[in-house]
PDB file of N, CA and C in Angstrom:
ATOM      1  N   UNK A   1      26.863 -26.438  42.441  1.00  0.00           N
ATOM      2  CA  UNK A   1      28.267 -26.068  42.301  1.00  0.00           C
ATOM      3  C   UNK A   1      28.697 -25.172  43.437  1.00  0.00           C
ATOM      4  N   UNK A   2      27.929 -24.150  43.722  1.00  0.00           N
ATOM      5  CA  UNK A   2      28.384 -23.135  44.654  1.00  0.00           C
ATOM      6  C   UNK A   2      28.859 -23.727  45.984  1.00  0.00           C
ATOM      7  N   UNK A   3      27.971 -24.435  46.661  1.00  0.00           N
ATOM      8  CA  UNK A   3      28.305 -24.943  47.983  1.00  0.00           C
ATOM      9  C   UNK A   3      29.248 -26.135  47.927  1.00  0.00           C
ATOM     10  N   UNK A   4      29.022 -27.015  47.002  1.00  0.00           N
ATOM     11  CA  UNK A   4      29.790 -28.261  46.936  1.00  0.00           C
ATOM     12  C   UNK A   4      31.276 -28.031  46.677  1.00  0.00           C
ATOM     13  N   UNK A   5      31.610 -27.086  45.837  1.00  0.00           N
ATOM     14  CA  UNK A   5      33.004 -26.875  45.459  1.00  0.00           C
ATOM     15  C   UNK A   5      33.667 -25.688  46.156  1.00  0.00           C
ATOM     16  N   UNK A   6      32.952 -25.011  47.011  1.00  0.00           N
ATOM     17  CA  UNK A   6      33.470 -23.777  47.598  1.00  0.00           C
ATOM     18  C   UNK A   6      34.806 -23.978  48.307  1.00  0.00           C
ATOM     19  N   UNK A   7      34.888 -24.983  49.175  1.00  0.00           N
ATOM     20  CA  UNK A   7      36.123 -25.185  49.939  1.00  0.00           C
ATOM     21  C   UNK A   7      37.291 -25.467  48.997  1.00  0.00           C
ATOM     22  N   UNK A   8      37.104 -26.337  48.033  1.00  0.00           N
ATOM     23  CA  UNK A   8      38.189 -26.650  47.099  1.00  0.00           C
ATOM     24  C   UNK A   8      38.558 -25.436  46.247  1.00  0.00           C
ATOM     25  N   UNK A   9      37.567 -24.672  45.813  1.00  0.00           N
ATOM     26  CA  UNK A   9      37.839 -23.487  44.993  1.00  0.00           C
ATOM     27  C   UNK A   9      38.583 -22.412  45.776  1.00  0.00           C
ATOM     28  N   UNK A  10      38.171 -22.176  47.014  1.00  0.00           N
ATOM     29  CA  UNK A  10      38.840 -21.144  47.815  1.00  0.00           C
ATOM     30  C   UNK A  10      40.248 -21.593  48.195  1.00  0.00           C
ATOM     31  N   UNK A  11      40.425 -22.888  48.460  1.00  0.00           N
ATOM     32  CA  UNK A  11      41.764 -23.401  48.741  1.00  0.00           C
ATOM     33  C   UNK A  11      42.679 -23.250  47.530  1.00  0.00           C
ATOM     34  N   UNK A  12      42.146 -23.494  46.348  1.00  0.00           N
ATOM     35  CA  UNK A  12      42.936 -23.329  45.130  1.00  0.00           C
ATOM     36  C   UNK A  12      43.449 -21.893  45.010  1.00  0.00           C
ATOM     37  N   UNK A  13      42.603 -20.932  45.347  1.00  0.00           N
ATOM     38  CA  UNK A  13      42.982 -19.514  45.249  1.00  0.00           C
ATOM     39  C   UNK A  13      43.927 -19.068  46.363  1.00  0.00           C
ATOM     40  N   UNK A  14      43.745 -19.607  47.545  1.00  0.00           N
ATOM     41  CA  UNK A  14      44.461 -19.074  48.705  1.00  0.00           C
ATOM     42  C   UNK A  14      45.697 -19.860  49.125  1.00  0.00           C
ATOM     43  N   UNK A  15      45.703 -21.149  48.869  1.00  0.00           N
ATOM     44  CA  UNK A  15      46.843 -21.970  49.294  1.00  0.00           C
ATOM     45  C   UNK A  15      47.303 -22.937  48.213  1.00  0.00           C
ATOM     46  N   UNK A  16      46.613 -22.984  47.096  1.00  0.00           N
ATOM     47  CA  UNK A  16      46.905 -23.966  46.055  1.00  0.00           C
ATOM     48  C   UNK A  16      47.562 -23.375  44.825  1.00  0.00           C
ATOM     49  N   UNK A  17      47.230 -23.949  43.690  1.00  0.00           N
ATOM     50  CA  UNK A  17      47.897 -23.595  42.438  1.00  0.00           C
ATOM     51  C   UNK A  17      47.666 -22.161  41.985  1.00  0.00           C
ATOM     52  N   UNK A  18      46.624 -21.489  42.484  1.00  0.00           N
ATOM     53  CA  UNK A  18      46.364 -20.101  42.094  1.00  0.00           C
ATOM     54  C   UNK A  18      46.838 -19.092  43.140  1.00  0.00           C
ATOM     55  N   UNK A  19      47.627 -19.542  44.086  1.00  0.00           N
ATOM     56  CA  UNK A  19      48.170 -18.691  45.142  1.00  0.00           C
ATOM     57  C   UNK A  19      48.771 -17.414  44.542  1.00  0.00           C
ATOM     58  N   UNK A  20      48.320 -16.228  44.955  1.00  0.00           N
ATOM     59  CA  UNK A  20      48.800 -14.993  44.329  1.00  0.00           C
ATOM     60  C   UNK A  20      50.125 -14.455  44.863  1.00  0.00           C
ATOM     61  N   UNK A  21      50.604 -14.989  45.966  1.00  0.00           N
ATOM     62  CA  UNK A  21      51.784 -14.427  46.629  1.00  0.00           C
ATOM     63  C   UNK A  21      53.005 -14.255  45.725  1.00  0.00           C
ATOM     64  N   UNK A  22      53.412 -15.280  44.971  1.00  0.00           N
ATOM     65  CA  UNK A  22      54.625 -15.100  44.152  1.00  0.00           C
ATOM     66  C   UNK A  22      54.509 -13.959  43.133  1.00  0.00           C
ATOM     67  N   UNK A  23      53.355 -13.813  42.522  1.00  0.00           N
ATOM     68  CA  UNK A  23      53.166 -12.736  41.541  1.00  0.00           C
ATOM     69  C   UNK A  23      53.102 -11.382  42.240  1.00  0.00           C
ATOM     70  N   UNK A  24      52.438 -11.327  43.398  1.00  0.00           N
ATOM     71  CA  UNK A  24      52.409 -10.076  44.158  1.00  0.00           C
ATOM     72  C   UNK A  24      53.813  -9.636  44.550  1.00  0.00           C
ATOM     73  N   UNK A  25      54.629 -10.567  44.990  1.00  0.00           N
ATOM     74  CA  UNK A  25      55.995 -10.236  45.409  1.00  0.00           C
ATOM     75  C   UNK A  25      56.831  -9.754  44.228  1.00  0.00           C
ATOM     76  N   UNK A  26      56.633 -10.351  43.062  1.00  0.00           N
ATOM     77  CA  UNK A  26      57.484 -10.000  41.924  1.00  0.00           C
ATOM     78  C   UNK A  26      56.965  -8.826  41.101  1.00  0.00           C
ATOM     79  N   UNK A  27      55.637  -8.587  41.088  1.00  0.00           N
ATOM     80  CA  UNK A  27      55.091  -7.525  40.227  1.00  0.00           C
ATOM     81  C   UNK A  27      54.298  -6.458  40.966  1.00  0.00           C
ATOM     82  N   UNK A  28      53.875  -6.740  42.187  1.00  0.00           N
ATOM     83  CA  UNK A  28      53.029  -5.799  42.916  1.00  0.00           C
ATOM     84  C   UNK A  28      51.589  -5.823  42.437  1.00  0.00           C
ATOM     85  N   UNK A  29      51.229  -6.851  41.676  1.00  0.00           N
ATOM     86  CA  UNK A  29      49.865  -6.967  41.139  1.00  0.00           C
ATOM     87  C   UNK A  29      49.330  -8.369  41.390  1.00  0.00           C
ATOM     88  N   UNK A  30      48.002  -8.467  41.448  1.00  0.00           N
ATOM     89  CA  UNK A  30      47.363  -9.776  41.531  1.00  0.00           C
ATOM     90  C   UNK A  30      47.392 -10.436  40.163  1.00  0.00           C
ATOM     91  N   UNK A  31      47.386 -11.767  40.131  1.00  0.00           N
ATOM     92  CA  UNK A  31      47.252 -12.457  38.845  1.00  0.00           C
ATOM     93  C   UNK A  31      45.931 -12.049  38.177  1.00  0.00           C
ATOM     94  N   UNK A  32      45.906 -12.038  36.860  1.00  0.00           N
ATOM     95  CA  UNK A  32      44.698 -11.678  36.127  1.00  0.00           C
ATOM     96  C   UNK A  32      43.521 -12.526  36.590  1.00  0.00           C
ATOM     97  N   UNK A  33      42.450 -11.860  36.966  1.00  0.00           N
ATOM     98  CA  UNK A  33      41.206 -12.522  37.334  1.00  0.00           C
ATOM     99  C   UNK A  33      41.126 -13.032  38.759  1.00  0.00           C
ATOM    100  N   UNK A  34      42.233 -12.984  39.502  1.00  0.00           N
ATOM    101  CA  UNK A  34      42.232 -13.549  40.858  1.00  0.00           C
ATOM    102  C   UNK A  34      41.248 -12.830  41.770  1.00  0.00           C
ATOM    103  N   UNK A  35      41.286 -11.518  41.800  1.00  0.00           N
ATOM    104  CA  UNK A  35      40.432 -10.745  42.705  1.00  0.00           C
ATOM    105  C   UNK A  35      38.960 -11.008  42.390  1.00  0.00           C
ATOM    106  N   UNK A  36      38.601 -10.957  41.128  1.00  0.00           N
ATOM    107  CA  UNK A  36      37.216 -11.174  40.728  1.00  0.00           C
ATOM    108  C   UNK A  36      36.752 -12.580  41.094  1.00  0.00           C
ATOM    109  N   UNK A  37      37.615 -13.567  40.871  1.00  0.00           N
ATOM    110  CA  UNK A  37      37.249 -14.946  41.199  1.00  0.00           C
ATOM    111  C   UNK A  37      37.044 -15.110  42.703  1.00  0.00           C
ATOM    112  N   UNK A  38      37.932 -14.540  43.494  1.00  0.00           N
ATOM    113  CA  UNK A  38      37.828 -14.627  44.951  1.00  0.00           C
ATOM    114  C   UNK A  38      36.546 -13.957  45.447  1.00  0.00           C
ATOM    115  N   UNK A  39      36.307 -12.722  45.002  1.00  0.00           N
ATOM    116  CA  UNK A  39      35.120 -11.993  45.463  1.00  0.00           C
ATOM    117  C   UNK A  39      33.834 -12.657  45.000  1.00  0.00           C
ATOM    118  N   UNK A  40      33.829 -13.227  43.809  1.00  0.00           N
ATOM    119  CA  UNK A  40      32.648 -13.939  43.317  1.00  0.00           C
ATOM    120  C   UNK A  40      32.377 -15.162  44.178  1.00  0.00           C
ATOM    121  N   UNK A  41      33.429 -15.898  44.527  1.00  0.00           N
ATOM    122  CA  UNK A  41      33.242 -17.056  45.411  1.00  0.00           C
ATOM    123  C   UNK A  41      32.611 -16.639  46.733  1.00  0.00           C
ATOM    124  N   UNK A  42      33.096 -15.561  47.308  1.00  0.00           N
ATOM    125  CA  UNK A  42      32.521 -15.092  48.570  1.00  0.00           C
ATOM    126  C   UNK A  42      31.060 -14.712  48.394  1.00  0.00           C
ATOM    127  N   UNK A  43      30.777 -13.936  47.372  1.00  0.00           N
ATOM    128  CA  UNK A  43      29.424 -13.451  47.146  1.00  0.00           C
ATOM    129  C   UNK A  43      28.434 -14.589  46.901  1.00  0.00           C
ATOM    130  N   UNK A  44      28.820 -15.556  46.093  1.00  0.00           N
ATOM    131  CA  UNK A  44      27.917 -16.649  45.732  1.00  0.00           C
ATOM    132  C   UNK A  44      27.705 -17.654  46.860  1.00  0.00           C
ATOM    133  N   UNK A  45      28.577 -17.655  47.851  1.00  0.00           N
ATOM    134  CA  UNK A  45      28.505 -18.683  48.882  1.00  0.00           C
ATOM    135  C   UNK A  45      28.239 -18.158  50.286  1.00  0.00           C
ATOM    136  N   UNK A  46      28.156 -16.884  50.450  1.00  0.00           N
ATOM    137  CA  UNK A  46      28.067 -16.318  51.790  1.00  0.00           C
ATOM    138  C   UNK A  46      26.802 -16.688  52.541  1.00  0.00           C
ATOM    139  N   UNK A  47      25.655 -16.743  51.871  1.00  0.00           N
ATOM    140  CA  UNK A  47      24.404 -17.018  52.573  1.00  0.00           C
ATOM    141  C   UNK A  47      24.475 -18.376  53.275  1.00  0.00           C
ATOM    142  N   UNK A  48      24.955 -19.397  52.584  1.00  0.00           N
ATOM    143  CA  UNK A  48      25.080 -20.719  53.199  1.00  0.00           C
ATOM    144  C   UNK A  48      26.028 -20.681  54.385  1.00  0.00           C
ATOM    145  N   UNK A  49      27.238 -20.161  54.182  1.00  0.00           N
ATOM    146  CA  UNK A  49      28.269 -20.227  55.222  1.00  0.00           C
ATOM    147  C   UNK A  49      27.976 -19.300  56.391  1.00  0.00           C
ATOM    148  N   UNK A  50      27.348 -18.161  56.138  1.00  0.00           N
ATOM    149  CA  UNK A  50      27.048 -17.248  57.240  1.00  0.00           C
ATOM    150  C   UNK A  50      25.942 -17.789  58.141  1.00  0.00           C
ATOM    151  N   UNK A  51      25.227 -18.794  57.699  1.00  0.00           N
ATOM    152  CA  UNK A  51      24.178 -19.395  58.516  1.00  0.00           C
ATOM    153  C   UNK A  51      24.647 -20.637  59.268  1.00  0.00           C
ATOM    154  N   UNK A  52      25.940 -20.963  59.185  1.00  0.00           N
ATOM    155  CA  UNK A  52      26.489 -22.105  59.916  1.00  0.00           C
ATOM    156  C   UNK A  52      27.143 -21.634  61.212  1.00  0.00           C
ATOM    157  N   UNK A  53      27.103 -22.485  62.209  1.00  0.00           N
ATOM    158  CA  UNK A  53      27.708 -22.160  63.507  1.00  0.00           C
ATOM    159  C   UNK A  53      29.220 -22.326  63.515  1.00  0.00           C
ATOM    160  N   UNK A  54      29.742 -23.251  62.712  1.00  0.00           N
ATOM    161  CA  UNK A  54      31.193 -23.461  62.683  1.00  0.00           C
ATOM    162  C   UNK A  54      31.627 -23.800  61.260  1.00  0.00           C
ATOM    163  N   UNK A  55      32.905 -23.555  60.997  1.00  0.00           N
ATOM    164  CA  UNK A  55      33.463 -23.771  59.674  1.00  0.00           C
ATOM    165  C   UNK A  55      34.648 -24.725  59.741  1.00  0.00           C
ATOM    166  N   UNK A  56      34.959 -25.381  58.622  1.00  0.00           N
ATOM    167  CA  UNK A  56      36.137 -26.254  58.582  1.00  0.00           C
ATOM    168  C   UNK A  56      37.435 -25.457  58.732  1.00  0.00           C
ATOM    169  N   UNK A  57      38.415 -26.112  59.319  1.00  0.00           N
ATOM    170  CA  UNK A  57      39.724 -25.485  59.533  1.00  0.00           C
ATOM    171  C   UNK A  57      40.329 -24.980  58.221  1.00  0.00           C
ATOM    172  N   UNK A  58      40.146 -25.725  57.129  1.00  0.00           N
ATOM    173  CA  UNK A  58      40.686 -25.304  55.826  1.00  0.00           C
ATOM    174  C   UNK A  58      40.160 -23.935  55.406  1.00  0.00           C
ATOM    175  N   UNK A  59      38.887 -23.692  55.634  1.00  0.00           N
ATOM    176  CA  UNK A  59      38.292 -22.409  55.263  1.00  0.00           C
ATOM    177  C   UNK A  59      38.852 -21.284  56.127  1.00  0.00           C
ATOM    178  N   UNK A  60      38.962 -21.525  57.394  1.00  0.00           N
ATOM    179  CA  UNK A  60      39.507 -20.510  58.307  1.00  0.00           C
ATOM    180  C   UNK A  60      40.953 -20.184  57.937  1.00  0.00           C
ATOM    181  N   UNK A  61      41.728 -21.193  57.593  1.00  0.00           N
ATOM    182  CA  UNK A  61      43.113 -20.941  57.200  1.00  0.00           C
ATOM    183  C   UNK A  61      43.182 -20.094  55.924  1.00  0.00           C
ATOM    184  N   UNK A  62      42.300 -20.339  54.979  1.00  0.00           N
ATOM    185  CA  UNK A  62      42.276 -19.523  53.756  1.00  0.00           C
ATOM    186  C   UNK A  62      42.036 -18.061  54.094  1.00  0.00           C
ATOM    187  N   UNK A  63      41.098 -17.798  54.987  1.00  0.00           N
ATOM    188  CA  UNK A  63      40.824 -16.410  55.365  1.00  0.00           C
ATOM    189  C   UNK A  63      41.990 -15.795  56.140  1.00  0.00           C
ATOM    190  N   UNK A  64      42.667 -16.588  56.944  1.00  0.00           N
ATOM    191  CA  UNK A  64      43.877 -16.097  57.611  1.00  0.00           C
ATOM    192  C   UNK A  64      44.925 -15.688  56.584  1.00  0.00           C
ATOM    193  N   UNK A  65      45.132 -16.531  55.581  1.00  0.00           N
ATOM    194  CA  UNK A  65      46.112 -16.223  54.532  1.00  0.00           C
ATOM    195  C   UNK A  65      45.733 -14.938  53.808  1.00  0.00           C
ATOM    196  N   UNK A  66      44.467 -14.782  53.487  1.00  0.00           N
ATOM    197  CA  UNK A  66      44.014 -13.582  52.783  1.00  0.00           C
ATOM    198  C   UNK A  66      44.231 -12.353  53.670  1.00  0.00           C
ATOM    199  N   UNK A  67      43.913 -12.471  54.944  1.00  0.00           N
ATOM    200  CA  UNK A  67      44.024 -11.333  55.843  1.00  0.00           C
ATOM    201  C   UNK A  67      45.439 -10.932  56.188  1.00  0.00           C
ATOM    202  N   UNK A  68      46.369 -11.861  56.100  1.00  0.00           N
ATOM    203  CA  UNK A  68      47.730 -11.547  56.525  1.00  0.00           C
ATOM    204  C   UNK A  68      48.768 -11.736  55.424  1.00  0.00           C
ATOM    205  N   UNK A  69      48.883 -12.916  54.893  1.00  0.00           N
ATOM    206  CA  UNK A  69      49.980 -13.243  53.980  1.00  0.00           C
ATOM    207  C   UNK A  69      49.911 -12.509  52.637  1.00  0.00           C
ATOM    208  N   UNK A  70      48.724 -12.342  52.092  1.00  0.00           N
ATOM    209  CA  UNK A  70      48.623 -11.672  50.793  1.00  0.00           C
ATOM    210  C   UNK A  70      49.075 -10.213  50.914  1.00  0.00           C
ATOM    211  N   UNK A  71      48.642  -9.550  51.972  1.00  0.00           N
ATOM    212  CA  UNK A  71      49.103  -8.181  52.209  1.00  0.00           C
ATOM    213  C   UNK A  71      50.595  -8.112  52.460  1.00  0.00           C
ATOM    214  N   UNK A  72      51.137  -9.100  53.140  1.00  0.00           N
ATOM    215  CA  UNK A  72      52.583  -9.145  53.384  1.00  0.00           C
ATOM    216  C   UNK A  72      53.357  -9.322  52.083  1.00  0.00           C
ATOM    217  N   UNK A  73      52.813 -10.134  51.179  1.00  0.00           N
ATOM    218  CA  UNK A  73      53.481 -10.328  49.881  1.00  0.00           C
ATOM    219  C   UNK A  73      53.529  -9.006  49.116  1.00  0.00           C
ATOM    220  N   UNK A  74      52.431  -8.281  49.111  1.00  0.00           N
ATOM    221  CA  UNK A  74      52.407  -6.977  48.437  1.00  0.00           C
ATOM    222  C   UNK A  74      53.366  -5.998  49.126  1.00  0.00           C
ATOM    223  N   UNK A  75      53.369  -5.988  50.450  1.00  0.00           N
ATOM    224  CA  UNK A  75      54.280  -5.103  51.191  1.00  0.00           C
ATOM    225  C   UNK A  75      55.737  -5.401  50.878  1.00  0.00           C
ATOM    226  N   UNK A  76      56.063  -6.665  50.679  1.00  0.00           N
ATOM    227  CA  UNK A  76      57.429  -7.042  50.313  1.00  0.00           C
ATOM    228  C   UNK A  76      57.791  -6.447  48.955  1.00  0.00           C
ATOM    229  N   UNK A  77      56.852  -6.484  48.003  1.00  0.00           N
ATOM    230  CA  UNK A  77      57.103  -5.871  46.695  1.00  0.00           C
ATOM    231  C   UNK A  77      57.324  -4.362  46.858  1.00  0.00           C
ATOM    232  N   UNK A  78      56.497  -3.705  47.656  1.00  0.00           N
ATOM    233  CA  UNK A  78      56.655  -2.265  47.894  1.00  0.00           C
ATOM    234  C   UNK A  78      58.038  -1.959  48.468  1.00  0.00           C
ATOM    235  N   UNK A  79      58.447  -2.748  49.453  1.00  0.00           N
ATOM    236  CA  UNK A  79      59.741  -2.528  50.092  1.00  0.00           C
ATOM    237  C   UNK A  79      60.885  -2.728  49.104  1.00  0.00           C
ATOM    238  N   UNK A  80      60.825  -3.793  48.335  1.00  0.00           N
ATOM    239  CA  UNK A  80      61.941  -4.095  47.440  1.00  0.00           C
ATOM    240  C   UNK A  80      61.976  -3.206  46.201  1.00  0.00           C
ATOM    241  N   UNK A  81      60.826  -2.751  45.753  1.00  0.00           N
ATOM    242  CA  UNK A  81      60.783  -1.927  44.539  1.00  0.00           C
ATOM    243  C   UNK A  81      60.832  -0.431  44.836  1.00  0.00           C
ATOM    244  N   UNK A  82      60.450  -0.067  46.049  1.00  0.00           N
ATOM    245  CA  UNK A  82      60.365   1.351  46.387  1.00  0.00           C
ATOM    246  C   UNK A  82      59.157   2.029  45.761  1.00  0.00           C
ATOM    247  N   UNK A  83      58.211   1.240  45.313  1.00  0.00           N
ATOM    248  CA  UNK A  83      57.014   1.768  44.646  1.00  0.00           C
ATOM    249  C   UNK A  83      55.764   1.353  45.406  1.00  0.00           C
ATOM    250  N   UNK A  84      54.623   1.942  44.979  1.00  0.00           N
ATOM    251  CA  UNK A  84      53.315   1.499  45.433  1.00  0.00           C
ATOM    252  C   UNK A  84      52.433   1.337  44.199  1.00  0.00           C
ATOM    253  N   UNK A  85      51.452   0.484  44.306  1.00  0.00           N
ATOM    254  CA  UNK A  85      50.520   0.247  43.209  1.00  0.00           C
ATOM    255  C   UNK A  85      49.125   0.541  43.746  1.00  0.00           C
ATOM    256  N   UNK A  86      48.553   1.658  43.325  1.00  0.00           N
ATOM    257  CA  UNK A  86      47.260   2.084  43.851  1.00  0.00           C
ATOM    258  C   UNK A  86      46.142   1.105  43.495  1.00  0.00           C
ATOM    259  N   UNK A  87      46.210   0.492  42.328  1.00  0.00           N
ATOM    260  CA  UNK A  87      45.188  -0.486  41.944  1.00  0.00           C
ATOM    261  C   UNK A  87      45.230  -1.687  42.893  1.00  0.00           C
ATOM    262  N   UNK A  88      46.429  -2.189  43.186  1.00  0.00           N
ATOM    263  CA  UNK A  88      46.559  -3.328  44.093  1.00  0.00           C
ATOM    264  C   UNK A  88      46.102  -2.945  45.494  1.00  0.00           C
ATOM    265  N   UNK A  89      46.415  -1.755  45.934  1.00  0.00           N
ATOM    266  CA  UNK A  89      45.978  -1.322  47.260  1.00  0.00           C
ATOM    267  C   UNK A  89      44.459  -1.241  47.340  1.00  0.00           C
ATOM    268  N   UNK A  90      43.825  -0.774  46.275  1.00  0.00           N
ATOM    269  CA  UNK A  90      42.358  -0.730  46.239  1.00  0.00           C
ATOM    270  C   UNK A  90      41.797  -2.149  46.255  1.00  0.00           C
ATOM    271  N   UNK A  91      42.421  -3.051  45.517  1.00  0.00           N
ATOM    272  CA  UNK A  91      41.968  -4.442  45.491  1.00  0.00           C
ATOM    273  C   UNK A  91      42.138  -5.098  46.862  1.00  0.00           C
ATOM    274  N   UNK A  92      43.249  -4.849  47.517  1.00  0.00           N
ATOM    275  CA  UNK A  92      43.460  -5.391  48.862  1.00  0.00           C
ATOM    276  C   UNK A  92      42.389  -4.897  49.826  1.00  0.00           C
ATOM    277  N   UNK A  93      42.020  -3.635  49.711  1.00  0.00           N
ATOM    278  CA  UNK A  93      40.970  -3.078  50.562  1.00  0.00           C
ATOM    279  C   UNK A  93      39.644  -3.784  50.314  1.00  0.00           C
ATOM    280  N   UNK A  94      39.284  -3.981  49.051  1.00  0.00           N
ATOM    281  CA  UNK A  94      38.029  -4.685  48.721  1.00  0.00           C
ATOM    282  C   UNK A  94      38.058  -6.122  49.220  1.00  0.00           C
ATOM    283  N   UNK A  95      39.188  -6.791  49.033  1.00  0.00           N
ATOM    284  CA  UNK A  95      39.322  -8.176  49.488  1.00  0.00           C
ATOM    285  C   UNK A  95      39.131  -8.256  50.995  1.00  0.00           C
ATOM    286  N   UNK A  96      39.796  -7.389  51.723  1.00  0.00           N
ATOM    287  CA  UNK A  96      39.688  -7.407  53.184  1.00  0.00           C
ATOM    288  C   UNK A  96      38.279  -7.049  53.643  1.00  0.00           C
ATOM    289  N   UNK A  97      37.672  -6.049  53.013  1.00  0.00           N
ATOM    290  CA  UNK A  97      36.315  -5.626  53.376  1.00  0.00           C
ATOM    291  C   UNK A  97      35.324  -6.768  53.207  1.00  0.00           C
ATOM    292  N   UNK A  98      35.344  -7.429  52.048  1.00  0.00           N
ATOM    293  CA  UNK A  98      34.379  -8.486  51.799  1.00  0.00           C
ATOM    294  C   UNK A  98      34.728  -9.778  52.545  1.00  0.00           C
ATOM    295  N   UNK A  99      35.998 -10.015  52.818  1.00  0.00           N
ATOM    296  CA  UNK A  99      36.354 -11.166  53.650  1.00  0.00           C
ATOM    297  C   UNK A  99      35.832 -10.948  55.066  1.00  0.00           C
ATOM    298  N   UNK A 100      36.028  -9.761  55.598  1.00  0.00           N
ATOM    299  CA  UNK A 100      35.503  -9.443  56.934  1.00  0.00           C
ATOM    300  C   UNK A 100      33.982  -9.569  56.961  1.00  0.00           C
ATOM    301  N   UNK A 101      33.315  -9.078  55.918  1.00  0.00           N
ATOM    302  CA  UNK A 101      31.854  -9.161  55.847  1.00  0.00           C
ATOM    303  C   UNK A 101      31.392 -10.614  55.745  1.00  0.00           C
ATOM    304  N   UNK A 102      32.146 -11.440  55.033  1.00  0.00           N
ATOM    305  CA  UNK A 102      31.815 -12.861  54.928  1.00  0.00           C
ATOM    306  C   UNK A 102      31.928 -13.528  56.295  1.00  0.00           C
ATOM    307  N   UNK A 103      32.999 -13.216  57.013  1.00  0.00           N
ATOM    308  CA  UNK A 103      33.262 -13.857  58.299  1.00  0.00           C
ATOM    309  C   UNK A 103      32.314 -13.352  59.388  1.00  0.00           C
ATOM    310  N   UNK A 104      32.170 -12.054  59.506  1.00  0.00           N
ATOM    311  CA  UNK A 104      31.446 -11.479  60.647  1.00  0.00           C
ATOM    312  C   UNK A 104      30.103 -10.876  60.284  1.00  0.00           C
ATOM    313  N   UNK A 105      29.774 -10.852  58.993  1.00  0.00           N
ATOM    314  CA  UNK A 105      28.529 -10.228  58.572  1.00  0.00           C
ATOM    315  C   UNK A 105      27.319 -11.105  58.812  1.00  0.00           C
ATOM    316  N   UNK A 106      26.202 -10.542  58.510  1.00  0.00           N
ATOM    317  CA  UNK A 106      24.918 -11.210  58.670  1.00  0.00           C
ATOM    318  C   UNK A 106      24.423 -11.604  57.283  1.00  0.00           C
ATOM    319  N   UNK A 107      23.880 -12.793  57.159  1.00  0.00           N
ATOM    320  CA  UNK A 107      23.404 -13.278  55.863  1.00  0.00           C
ATOM    321  C   UNK A 107      22.273 -12.424  55.294  1.00  0.00           C
ATOM    322  N   UNK A 108      21.634 -11.633  56.134  1.00  0.00           N
ATOM    323  CA  UNK A 108      20.549 -10.786  55.641  1.00  0.00           C
ATOM    324  C   UNK A 108      21.040  -9.460  55.051  1.00  0.00           C
ATOM    325  N   UNK A 109      22.313  -9.134  55.240  1.00  0.00           N
ATOM    326  CA  UNK A 109      22.861  -7.895  54.692  1.00  0.00           C
ATOM    327  C   UNK A 109      23.039  -8.006  53.186  1.00  0.00           C
ATOM    328  N   UNK A 110      22.765  -6.918  52.501  1.00  0.00           N
ATOM    329  CA  UNK A 110      22.958  -6.891  51.043  1.00  0.00           C
ATOM    330  C   UNK A 110      24.392  -6.485  50.743  1.00  0.00           C
ATOM    331  N   UNK A 111      24.985  -7.119  49.743  1.00  0.00           N
ATOM    332  CA  UNK A 111      26.340  -6.794  49.323  1.00  0.00           C
ATOM    333  C   UNK A 111      26.302  -6.022  48.019  1.00  0.00           C
ATOM    334  N   UNK A 112      27.090  -4.957  47.947  1.00  0.00           N
ATOM    335  CA  UNK A 112      27.307  -4.247  46.693  1.00  0.00           C
ATOM    336  C   UNK A 112      28.784  -4.412  46.343  1.00  0.00           C
ATOM    337  N   UNK A 113      29.069  -5.225  45.353  1.00  0.00           N
ATOM    338  CA  UNK A 113      30.450  -5.568  45.033  1.00  0.00           C
ATOM    339  C   UNK A 113      31.181  -4.460  44.262  1.00  0.00           C
ATOM    340  N   UNK A 114      30.499  -3.413  43.889  1.00  0.00           N
ATOM    341  CA  UNK A 114      31.160  -2.337  43.127  1.00  0.00           C
ATOM    342  C   UNK A 114      31.716  -1.278  44.004  1.00  0.00           C
TER     343      UNK A 114
END
C-alpha cells in the first residue's frame, strides 16, 4: 500500500478532493485529520522516495502546493479575519519542516513526528 498508492494519496490531499485551501481560507483551520494524514504519508513513504534520483512531476507539484499555496490560503484568512490561529501556525510549521526533510533529507535520518 505505502509505495503503490503514495502518489494518488498525496495528490488527493494536495490537489484533489481533500484540498485544504477552501477550509483554510474560510476558517483558518485545516480540515479534520488532514495534517495527520499528510504527515503519516510522508513518514511511511520517505525511505523509498529519498533513495530515488528523480521524482514524478505530480509529486513535485504537490510539494510546491504545500510549500506555497497552503500557507497563502491561511494568510488570506488572517488578512480577511484580522485574526491568527496559533494551532494552524504550529501545524504549518510541522508540515513545512517534514516536507523539507522529505525532499532534502537523508533516508538514514530518524524522524520524530511529535
